[in-house]
Amino acid sequence: MAYFLEEVDVSKIKPGLPLRIEASSIAGFTGGLFKSTVQDVENNVVKAAMPSLKGRFVPFPKGLTARLSVVDKMSLYVFYGIVLENREEDNLPLTLFRIQGKIRRVQRRRFLRIKFIANGTLITPENESVPFMSFDVSAGGMKIGTNKELTVGTIVKINFQLEEDLFLANQEAKIVRKIENENRTNGIFYYGLEFFNMPLSIQDKIMRFIFKLELKSKGGNEE
């Protein structure tokens, strides 16, 4: 999961703040990342300015679950919303979202992290291929377990499949920490890895992949 500082009240979501809407694709609707603005908040309902694309407004399907992010000068607030309706008020097209679950203030410049178990290999500086298992992953790094003891600070290369069209091939990563309280469990050593020199296009694909997994775990719509 992401590194959350705290859960906050809906009063933190104020009119005029920029809003980002992340929605998955469903039949008849192409999802994506949309920019909007909070127009009003009332009774756990966020009224958002309806985003536009190529000069046309984009109404969201009723019942769609989206991940919403609101930014002020100091914080990033993340929560889920279910589309109630699209309507017009004072000649302004709006989309209404009912807040689902908690609103969480997130430390900025950190990536959403989610549980993800899969096998991969890493290449050491000595060109040794070492199998590992992932336990969580984000666009910034991952937690792994391996039966080989590694040295913190070592630069390795990761080969790892997240989904059919998303493969990390010789992705550079640094072993940033050894997770002592879990090491030597059944002969397995656990480490935290941090990616670097990752193309922004791959980073974006990982973020979208994690969003789909998280949305699925919440019971929302997915592509």
C-alpha atoms as a PDB file:
ATOM      1  CA  MET A   1       0.000   0.000   0.000  1.00  0.00           C
ATOM      2  CA  ALA A   2       0.989   3.645  -0.235  1.00  0.00           C
ATOM      3  CA  TYR A   3       2.751   5.345   2.638  1.00  0.00           C
ATOM      4  CA  PHE A   4      -0.165   7.144   4.328  1.00  0.00           C
ATOM      5  CA  LEU A   5       0.485   9.783   6.956  1.00  0.00           C
ATOM      6  CA  GLU A   6      -3.060   9.879   8.299  1.00  0.00           C
ATOM      7  CA  GLU A   7      -6.750   9.618   7.608  1.00  0.00           C
ATOM      8  CA  VAL A   8      -8.441  13.014   7.358  1.00  0.00           C
ATOM      9  CA  ASP A   9     -11.901  14.540   7.381  1.00  0.00           C
ATOM     10  CA  VAL A  10     -13.775  15.518   4.239  1.00  0.00           C
ATOM     11  CA  SER A  11     -13.320  19.163   5.262  1.00  0.00           C
ATOM     12  CA  LYS A  12      -9.799  18.955   3.771  1.00  0.00           C
ATOM     13  CA  ILE A  13     -11.325  18.679   0.284  1.00  0.00           C
ATOM     14  CA  LYS A  14     -12.060  22.307  -0.527  1.00  0.00           C
ATOM     15  CA  PRO A  15     -13.652  23.992  -3.553  1.00  0.00           C
ATOM     16  CA  GLY A  16     -11.126  25.342  -6.023  1.00  0.00           C
ATOM     17  CA  LEU A  17      -8.490  22.658  -5.453  1.00  0.00           C
ATOM     18  CA  PRO A  18      -7.157  20.763  -8.496  1.00  0.00           C
ATOM     19  CA  LEU A  19      -8.562  17.257  -8.856  1.00  0.00           C
ATOM     20  CA  ARG A  20      -7.153  14.270 -10.720  1.00  0.00           C
ATOM     21  CA  ILE A  21      -9.535  11.465 -11.723  1.00  0.00           C
ATOM     22  CA  GLU A  22      -8.150   8.013 -12.584  1.00  0.00           C
ATOM     23  CA  ALA A  23     -10.750   5.759 -14.190  1.00  0.00           C
ATOM     24  CA  SER A  24     -10.454   2.317 -15.761  1.00  0.00           C
ATOM     25  CA  SER A  25     -12.032   1.453 -19.093  1.00  0.00           C
ATOM     26  CA  ILE A  26     -15.349  -0.364 -19.199  1.00  0.00           C
ATOM     27  CA  ALA A  27     -17.730  -1.224 -22.033  1.00  0.00           C
ATOM     28  CA  GLY A  28     -18.716   1.988 -23.773  1.00  0.00           C
ATOM     29  CA  PHE A  29     -16.261   4.177 -21.860  1.00  0.00           C
ATOM     30  CA  THR A  30     -12.557   4.719 -22.403  1.00  0.00           C
ATOM     31  CA  GLY A  31     -10.867   5.360 -19.070  1.00  0.00           C
ATOM     32  CA  GLY A  32      -7.696   7.247 -18.368  1.00  0.00           C
ATOM     33  CA  LEU A  33      -6.358  10.127 -16.337  1.00  0.00           C
ATOM     34  CA  PHE A  34      -8.483  13.289 -16.302  1.00  0.00           C
ATOM     35  CA  LYS A  35      -7.841  16.729 -14.813  1.00  0.00           C
ATOM     36  CA  SER A  36     -10.622  18.592 -13.052  1.00  0.00           C
ATOM     37  CA  THR A  37     -11.365  21.001 -10.194  1.00  0.00           C
ATOM     38  CA  VAL A  38     -13.361  20.566  -6.998  1.00  0.00           C
ATOM     39  CA  GLN A  39     -16.440  22.795  -7.299  1.00  0.00           C
ATOM     40  CA  ASP A  40     -18.181  21.905  -4.033  1.00  0.00           C
ATOM     41  CA  VAL A  41     -18.350  19.228  -1.322  1.00  0.00           C
ATOM     42  CA  GLU A  42     -21.565  18.413   0.507  1.00  0.00           C
ATOM     43  CA  ASN A  43     -22.603  15.376   2.575  1.00  0.00           C
ATOM     44  CA  ASN A  44     -19.631  13.299   1.353  1.00  0.00           C
ATOM     45  CA  VAL A  45     -20.437  14.152  -2.259  1.00  0.00           C
ATOM     46  CA  VAL A  46     -17.766  15.860  -4.356  1.00  0.00           C
ATOM     47  CA  LYS A  47     -18.980  18.014  -7.211  1.00  0.00           C
ATOM     48  CA  ALA A  48     -16.244  18.073  -9.853  1.00  0.00           C
ATOM     49  CA  ALA A  49     -16.027  20.126 -13.006  1.00  0.00           C
ATOM     50  CA  MET A  50     -16.660  17.698 -15.856  1.00  0.00           C
ATOM     51  CA  PRO A  51     -13.333  17.135 -17.676  1.00  0.00           C
ATOM     52  CA  SER A  52     -13.070  17.826 -21.381  1.00  0.00           C
ATOM     53  CA  LEU A  53     -11.118  16.016 -24.065  1.00  0.00           C
ATOM     54  CA  LYS A  54     -10.439  17.503 -27.491  1.00  0.00           C
ATOM     55  CA  GLY A  55     -13.038  20.184 -26.867  1.00  0.00           C
ATOM     56  CA  ARG A  56     -15.762  17.799 -25.707  1.00  0.00           C
ATOM     57  CA  PHE A  57     -16.970  17.167 -22.173  1.00  0.00           C
ATOM     58  CA  VAL A  58     -16.448  13.642 -20.827  1.00  0.00           C
ATOM     59  CA  PRO A  59     -19.392  12.377 -18.737  1.00  0.00           C
ATOM     60  CA  PHE A  60     -18.551   9.408 -16.505  1.00  0.00           C
ATOM     61  CA  PRO A  61     -20.853   6.351 -16.391  1.00  0.00           C
ATOM     62  CA  LYS A  62     -23.103   6.224 -13.341  1.00  0.00           C
ATOM     63  CA  GLY A  63     -21.782   3.691 -10.805  1.00  0.00           C
ATOM     64  CA  LEU A  64     -18.174   3.858 -12.033  1.00  0.00           C
ATOM     65  CA  THR A  65     -15.569   3.743  -9.253  1.00  0.00           C
ATOM     66  CA  ALA A  66     -12.665   6.144  -9.748  1.00  0.00           C
ATOM     67  CA  ARG A  67      -9.552   7.020  -7.761  1.00  0.00           C
ATOM     68  CA  LEU A  68      -9.515  10.715  -6.942  1.00  0.00           C
ATOM     69  CA  SER A  69      -6.507  12.819  -5.930  1.00  0.00           C
ATOM     70  CA  VAL A  70      -6.727  16.368  -4.603  1.00  0.00           C
ATOM     71  CA  VAL A  71      -3.653  18.559  -4.175  1.00  0.00           C
ATOM     72  CA  ASP A  72      -3.191  21.633  -2.019  1.00  0.00           C
ATOM     73  CA  LYS A  73       0.045  23.515  -1.299  1.00  0.00           C
ATOM     74  CA  MET A  74       1.282  21.034   1.306  1.00  0.00           C
ATOM     75  CA  SER A  75      -0.509  17.718   0.869  1.00  0.00           C
ATOM     76  CA  LEU A  76      -1.942  15.128  -1.488  1.00  0.00           C
ATOM     77  CA  TYR A  77      -5.314  13.626  -0.546  1.00  0.00           C
ATOM     78  CA  VAL A  78      -6.395  10.313  -2.076  1.00  0.00           C
ATOM     79  CA  PHE A  79      -9.785   8.618  -1.938  1.00  0.00           C
ATOM     80  CA  TYR A  80     -12.240   6.614  -4.025  1.00  0.00           C
ATOM     81  CA  GLY A  81     -15.486   7.947  -5.412  1.00  0.00           C
ATOM     82  CA  ILE A  82     -18.511   6.400  -7.087  1.00  0.00           C
ATOM     83  CA  VAL A  83     -20.152   8.383  -9.881  1.00  0.00           C
ATOM     84  CA  LEU A  84     -23.665   9.415  -8.851  1.00  0.00           C
ATOM     85  CA  GLU A  85     -24.620  11.496 -11.875  1.00  0.00           C
ATOM     86  CA  ASN A  86     -23.588  14.054 -14.456  1.00  0.00           C
ATOM     87  CA  ARG A  87     -25.525  17.315 -14.465  1.00  0.00           C
ATOM     88  CA  GLU A  88     -25.327  21.028 -15.142  1.00  0.00           C
ATOM     89  CA  GLU A  89     -25.436  23.775 -12.515  1.00  0.00           C
ATOM     90  CA  ASP A  90     -25.248  27.456 -13.443  1.00  0.00           C
ATOM     91  CA  ASN A  91     -24.265  26.451 -16.990  1.00  0.00           C
ATOM     92  CA  LEU A  92     -21.303  24.413 -15.659  1.00  0.00           C
ATOM     93  CA  PRO A  93     -21.247  20.666 -16.453  1.00  0.00           C
ATOM     94  CA  LEU A  94     -20.492  18.656 -13.297  1.00  0.00           C
ATOM     95  CA  THR A  95     -19.812  15.082 -12.294  1.00  0.00           C
ATOM     96  CA  LEU A  96     -20.877  14.089  -8.778  1.00  0.00           C
ATOM     97  CA  PHE A  97     -18.858  11.501  -6.840  1.00  0.00           C
ATOM     98  CA  ARG A  98     -19.905   9.942  -3.547  1.00  0.00           C
ATOM     99  CA  ILE A  99     -16.804   9.381  -1.403  1.00  0.00           C
ATOM    100  CA  GLN A 100     -16.231   5.692  -0.731  1.00  0.00           C
ATOM    101  CA  GLY A 101     -14.131   4.747   2.295  1.00  0.00           C
ATOM    102  CA  LYS A 102     -11.483   6.905   3.935  1.00  0.00           C
ATOM    103  CA  ILE A 103      -9.728  10.035   2.725  1.00  0.00           C
ATOM    104  CA  ARG A 104      -5.991   9.671   3.229  1.00  0.00           C
ATOM    105  CA  ARG A 105      -3.272  12.281   3.275  1.00  0.00           C
ATOM    106  CA  VAL A 106      -0.286  10.854   1.452  1.00  0.00           C
ATOM    107  CA  GLN A 107       3.353  11.800   1.738  1.00  0.00           C
ATOM    108  CA  ARG A 108       4.207  13.467  -1.543  1.00  0.00           C
ATOM    109  CA  ARG A 109       6.827  12.085  -3.935  1.00  0.00           C
ATOM    110  CA  ARG A 110       6.077   8.497  -2.878  1.00  0.00           C
ATOM    111  CA  PHE A 111       4.438   5.895  -5.059  1.00  0.00           C
ATOM    112  CA  LEU A 112       1.443   3.738  -4.372  1.00  0.00           C
ATOM    113  CA  ARG A 113       2.673   0.317  -3.236  1.00  0.00           C
ATOM    114  CA  ILE A 114       0.585  -2.838  -3.456  1.00  0.00           C
ATOM    115  CA  LYS A 115       0.991  -6.509  -2.555  1.00  0.00           C
ATOM    116  CA  PHE A 116       2.143  -8.435  -5.618  1.00  0.00           C
ATOM    117  CA  ILE A 117       3.639 -11.926  -5.476  1.00  0.00           C
ATOM    118  CA  ALA A 118       5.533 -13.143  -8.542  1.00  0.00           C
ATOM    119  CA  ASN A 119       8.872 -14.665  -9.506  1.00  0.00           C
ATOM    120  CA  GLY A 120      11.762 -12.843 -11.125  1.00  0.00           C
ATOM    121  CA  THR A 121      15.535 -12.827 -11.415  1.00  0.00           C
ATOM    122  CA  LEU A 122      18.200 -10.278 -10.579  1.00  0.00           C
ATOM    123  CA  ILE A 123      21.692 -10.019 -12.006  1.00  0.00           C
ATOM    124  CA  THR A 124      24.467  -9.197  -9.534  1.00  0.00           C
ATOM    125  CA  PRO A 125      27.564  -7.109 -10.380  1.00  0.00           C
ATOM    126  CA  GLU A 126      29.399 -10.466 -10.694  1.00  0.00           C
ATOM    127  CA  ASN A 127      26.905 -11.411 -13.454  1.00  0.00           C
ATOM    128  CA  GLU A 128      25.279 -14.083 -11.269  1.00  0.00           C
ATOM    129  CA  SER A 129      21.596 -14.740 -11.936  1.00  0.00           C
ATOM    130  CA  VAL A 130      19.650 -14.926  -8.661  1.00  0.00           C
ATOM    131  CA  PRO A 131      15.979 -15.950  -8.516  1.00  0.00           C
ATOM    132  CA  PHE A 132      13.700 -13.967  -6.220  1.00  0.00           C
ATOM    133  CA  MET A 133      10.060 -13.595  -5.258  1.00  0.00           C
ATOM    134  CA  SER A 134       8.372 -10.210  -5.013  1.00  0.00           C
ATOM    135  CA  PHE A 135       6.048  -9.362  -2.131  1.00  0.00           C
ATOM    136  CA  ASP A 136       5.030  -5.840  -3.056  1.00  0.00           C
ATOM    137  CA  VAL A 137       5.761  -3.440  -5.874  1.00  0.00           C
ATOM    138  CA  SER A 138       5.480   0.237  -6.770  1.00  0.00           C
ATOM    139  CA  ALA A 139       6.755   2.457  -9.565  1.00  0.00           C
ATOM    140  CA  GLY A 140       9.654   3.318  -7.257  1.00  0.00           C
ATOM    141  CA  GLY A 141      10.779  -0.115  -6.114  1.00  0.00           C
ATOM    142  CA  MET A 142       9.796  -3.438  -4.597  1.00  0.00           C
ATOM    143  CA  LYS A 143      10.209  -5.832  -1.690  1.00  0.00           C
ATOM    144  CA  ILE A 144      11.776  -9.184  -2.537  1.00  0.00           C
ATOM    145  CA  GLY A 145      12.839 -12.421  -0.894  1.00  0.00           C
ATOM    146  CA  THR A 146      15.755 -14.585  -2.038  1.00  0.00           C
ATOM    147  CA  ASN A 147      17.835 -17.442  -0.663  1.00  0.00           C
ATOM    148  CA  LYS A 148      21.048 -15.519  -1.408  1.00  0.00           C
ATOM    149  CA  GLU A 149      22.359 -12.933   1.033  1.00  0.00           C
ATOM    150  CA  LEU A 150      22.970  -9.612  -0.712  1.00  0.00           C
ATOM    151  CA  THR A 151      24.817  -6.461   0.312  1.00  0.00           C
ATOM    152  CA  VAL A 152      22.928  -3.230   0.962  1.00  0.00           C
ATOM    153  CA  GLY A 153      24.046  -0.580  -1.534  1.00  0.00           C
ATOM    154  CA  THR A 154      24.641  -3.074  -4.343  1.00  0.00           C
ATOM    155  CA  ILE A 155      23.369  -2.167  -7.808  1.00  0.00           C
ATOM    156  CA  VAL A 156      21.596  -5.046  -9.539  1.00  0.00           C
ATOM    157  CA  LYS A 157      19.547  -5.533 -12.700  1.00  0.00           C
ATOM    158  CA  ILE A 158      15.981  -6.814 -12.459  1.00  0.00           C
ATOM    159  CA  ASN A 159      14.129  -9.039 -14.920  1.00  0.00           C
ATOM    160  CA  PHE A 160      10.518  -9.183 -13.845  1.00  0.00           C
ATOM    161  CA  GLN A 161       7.103  -9.710 -15.471  1.00  0.00           C
ATOM    162  CA  LEU A 162       4.180  -7.706 -14.069  1.00  0.00           C
ATOM    163  CA  GLU A 163       1.666  -8.449 -16.804  1.00  0.00           C
ATOM    164  CA  GLU A 164       1.681  -9.650 -20.399  1.00  0.00           C
ATOM    165  CA  ASP A 165       2.874  -6.378 -21.946  1.00  0.00           C
ATOM    166  CA  LEU A 166       4.799  -5.052 -18.953  1.00  0.00           C
ATOM    167  CA  PHE A 167       8.226  -6.632 -18.457  1.00  0.00           C
ATOM    168  CA  LEU A 168      11.159  -5.045 -16.639  1.00  0.00           C
ATOM    169  CA  ALA A 169      14.203  -6.074 -18.661  1.00  0.00           C
ATOM    170  CA  ASN A 170      17.578  -5.413 -17.017  1.00  0.00           C
ATOM    171  CA  GLN A 171      16.005  -2.637 -14.967  1.00  0.00           C
ATOM    172  CA  GLU A 172      18.602  -1.099 -12.669  1.00  0.00           C
ATOM    173  CA  ALA A 173      17.822  -1.196  -8.957  1.00  0.00           C
ATOM    174  CA  LYS A 174      19.662  -0.515  -5.736  1.00  0.00           C
ATOM    175  CA  ILE A 175      19.370  -2.687  -2.628  1.00  0.00           C
ATOM    176  CA  VAL A 176      18.470   0.045  -0.140  1.00  0.00           C
ATOM    177  CA  ARG A 177      17.672  -1.978   2.971  1.00  0.00           C
ATOM    178  CA  LYS A 178      17.748  -5.431   4.510  1.00  0.00           C
ATOM    179  CA  ILE A 179      14.544  -6.259   6.370  1.00  0.00           C
ATOM    180  CA  GLU A 180      16.114  -7.747   9.474  1.00  0.00           C
ATOM    181  CA  ASN A 181      12.982  -8.811  11.335  1.00  0.00           C
ATOM    182  CA  GLU A 182      11.993 -11.073   8.444  1.00  0.00           C
ATOM    183  CA  ASN A 183      15.399 -12.385   7.387  1.00  0.00           C
ATOM    184  CA  ARG A 184      16.425 -16.009   7.799  1.00  0.00           C
ATOM    185  CA  THR A 185      12.795 -17.141   7.767  1.00  0.00           C
ATOM    186  CA  ASN A 186      12.994 -20.581   6.135  1.00  0.00           C
ATOM    187  CA  GLY A 187      16.396 -19.603   4.768  1.00  0.00           C
ATOM    188  CA  ILE A 188      15.026 -16.581   2.898  1.00  0.00           C
ATOM    189  CA  PHE A 189      16.524 -13.070   3.067  1.00  0.00           C
ATOM    190  CA  TYR A 190      14.272 -10.051   2.490  1.00  0.00           C
ATOM    191  CA  TYR A 191      15.301  -6.749   0.883  1.00  0.00           C
ATOM    192  CA  GLY A 192      13.879  -3.439  -0.234  1.00  0.00           C
ATOM    193  CA  LEU A 193      14.902  -2.374  -3.755  1.00  0.00           C
ATOM    194  CA  GLU A 194      14.719   1.071  -5.313  1.00  0.00           C
ATOM    195  CA  PHE A 195      14.498   1.472  -9.093  1.00  0.00           C
ATOM    196  CA  PHE A 196      16.531   4.129 -10.888  1.00  0.00           C
ATOM    197  CA  ASN A 197      17.128   5.204 -14.484  1.00  0.00           C
ATOM    198  CA  MET A 198      13.612   3.960 -15.224  1.00  0.00           C
ATOM    199  CA  PRO A 199      11.995   5.505 -18.331  1.00  0.00           C
ATOM    200  CA  LEU A 200       8.974   7.635 -17.485  1.00  0.00           C
ATOM    201  CA  SER A 201       6.894   5.585 -19.927  1.00  0.00           C
ATOM    202  CA  ILE A 202       7.586   2.393 -17.936  1.00  0.00           C
ATOM    203  CA  GLN A 203       6.998   4.172 -14.629  1.00  0.00           C
ATOM    204  CA  ASP A 204       3.620   5.329 -15.909  1.00  0.00           C
ATOM    205  CA  LYS A 205       2.703   1.791 -17.045  1.00  0.00           C
ATOM    206  CA  ILE A 206       3.538   0.417 -13.590  1.00  0.00           C
ATOM    207  CA  MET A 207       1.410   3.076 -11.905  1.00  0.00           C
ATOM    208  CA  ARG A 208      -1.531   2.229 -14.165  1.00  0.00           C
ATOM    209  CA  PHE A 209      -1.029  -1.488 -13.544  1.00  0.00           C
ATOM    210  CA  ILE A 210      -1.040  -0.958  -9.760  1.00  0.00           C
ATOM    211  CA  PHE A 211      -4.108   1.234 -10.013  1.00  0.00           C
ATOM    212  CA  LYS A 212      -5.970  -1.551 -11.831  1.00  0.00           C
ATOM    213  CA  LEU A 213      -4.979  -4.059  -9.145  1.00  0.00           C
ATOM    214  CA  GLU A 214      -6.035  -1.753  -6.328  1.00  0.00           C
ATOM    215  CA  LEU A 215      -9.323  -0.919  -8.006  1.00  0.00           C
ATOM    216  CA  LYS A 216     -10.027  -4.629  -8.499  1.00  0.00           C
ATOM    217  CA  SER A 217      -9.328  -5.303  -4.819  1.00  0.00           C
ATOM    218  CA  LYS A 218     -11.879  -2.598  -3.933  1.00  0.00           C
ATOM    219  CA  GLY A 219     -14.517  -4.235  -6.080  1.00  0.00           C
ATOM    220  CA  GLY A 220     -14.536  -1.429  -8.631  1.00  0.00           C
ATOM    221  CA  ASN A 221     -14.717  -1.536 -12.398  1.00  0.00           C
ATOM    222  CA  GLU A 222     -11.638  -2.568 -14.335  1.00  0.00           C
ATOM    223  CA  GLU A 223     -10.656  -2.885 -17.925  1.00  0.00           C
END
